[in-house]
């Protein structure tokens, strides 16, 4: 939520206006609090020394609260402000008194009156950081609402697309079966490819209806896609699927999250090379995150001179909306491309309905894994 914590010049002017307003009110309060014979002039030092010094001491605490420890929850950041309150108050008081004595011949409260220079600045500190926290919370809430609205719009569009795709799926299944049945003797490989294509289409329809599927299902779909591509490219295409822990096959993820990256590796990384190349898919768990890597040793590209296609943009947008994480793409000409991302690790319950197998997906016979 970077945008929620960015403070451009307009917000800086608002903070400056806050300080100026309180400085003027403080000056007027002092003016009317003293007898008329002592009102020979306003204490302009409040404007050019007092509150600017408060702002100087506020800056490092603001950076700690809203930058360094921005990932802390609200309660933790408020407690941090409470702990730093006496540091802010006494730091300002000692600095202000020293400057007054050194350059202005005094003019600050003395004796028991010094407690007013503890009480009033402490109130101002609490008020200003209360405003800062309220503003940041409001901005974060707005960003979250925009994200939810965008996610709802995309979900609605996906549902409409799914409805259009499901107008008559049985027609396509029957068409696949008809083509497969019409394949003559000795064409078992073609018949297998038609069956694989039918499975891929069936999975895509299912992906339009369900929000999460298991890693085993996703990898079965991806390896099925790679098997079809291998039939086209032959020995120019090889692939390796590595899952660090067999238990991860029960991990949940949004469907069709890997396929665009794999397709991008084949189409843009390997297809233009005479010698072809290798696609590596790696999945592992680290702490409470499920980490993915899709890598190829193909043509690569210069990130500064490329406009990402729909697959990369769509995957990056889905990750941002669903998990507030990013898709990292590293590439250079002649050295291949690597796409990595991570999502929260969650496992499917035993009662989870997954009609596809939940064991390790295996490539068709004769296809390198």
Foldseek 3Di string as FASTA:
>chain_A
DVVLLDQDPVNVVVVVVVLVVVLVVVQVVVLVVDDPVPNPDTPCCSVVPQSVLLVVLVVVLCCVLCPVVVVDDPVVSVVSLVVCLVVSQVVSLVVSQVCCVPPVVGDDDDDPVCVVSNVVVSVVSVVVVVVVSVSSVVSVVVVLVVLVVVVVVVLVVLLVVLCVLVVPVVVVVVVLVVVLVPDDPPVVVVSVLSVLVNVLSVVVSVLSVDFKDFQQVQVLNQLSVQLNVCVVVPPLEAEEEEEPDQQRRQWMDRHPLCNLVQVCCQPVFFPVDPSHWYWYWYWYDDDQKIKIKIWIQGFWDDVVPDDDDPSQVVSQSVCCSPAVWGWDWDTDGRGTIMIMDMHGTDGDDPPDDDPDDSGHHDHPPPGHD
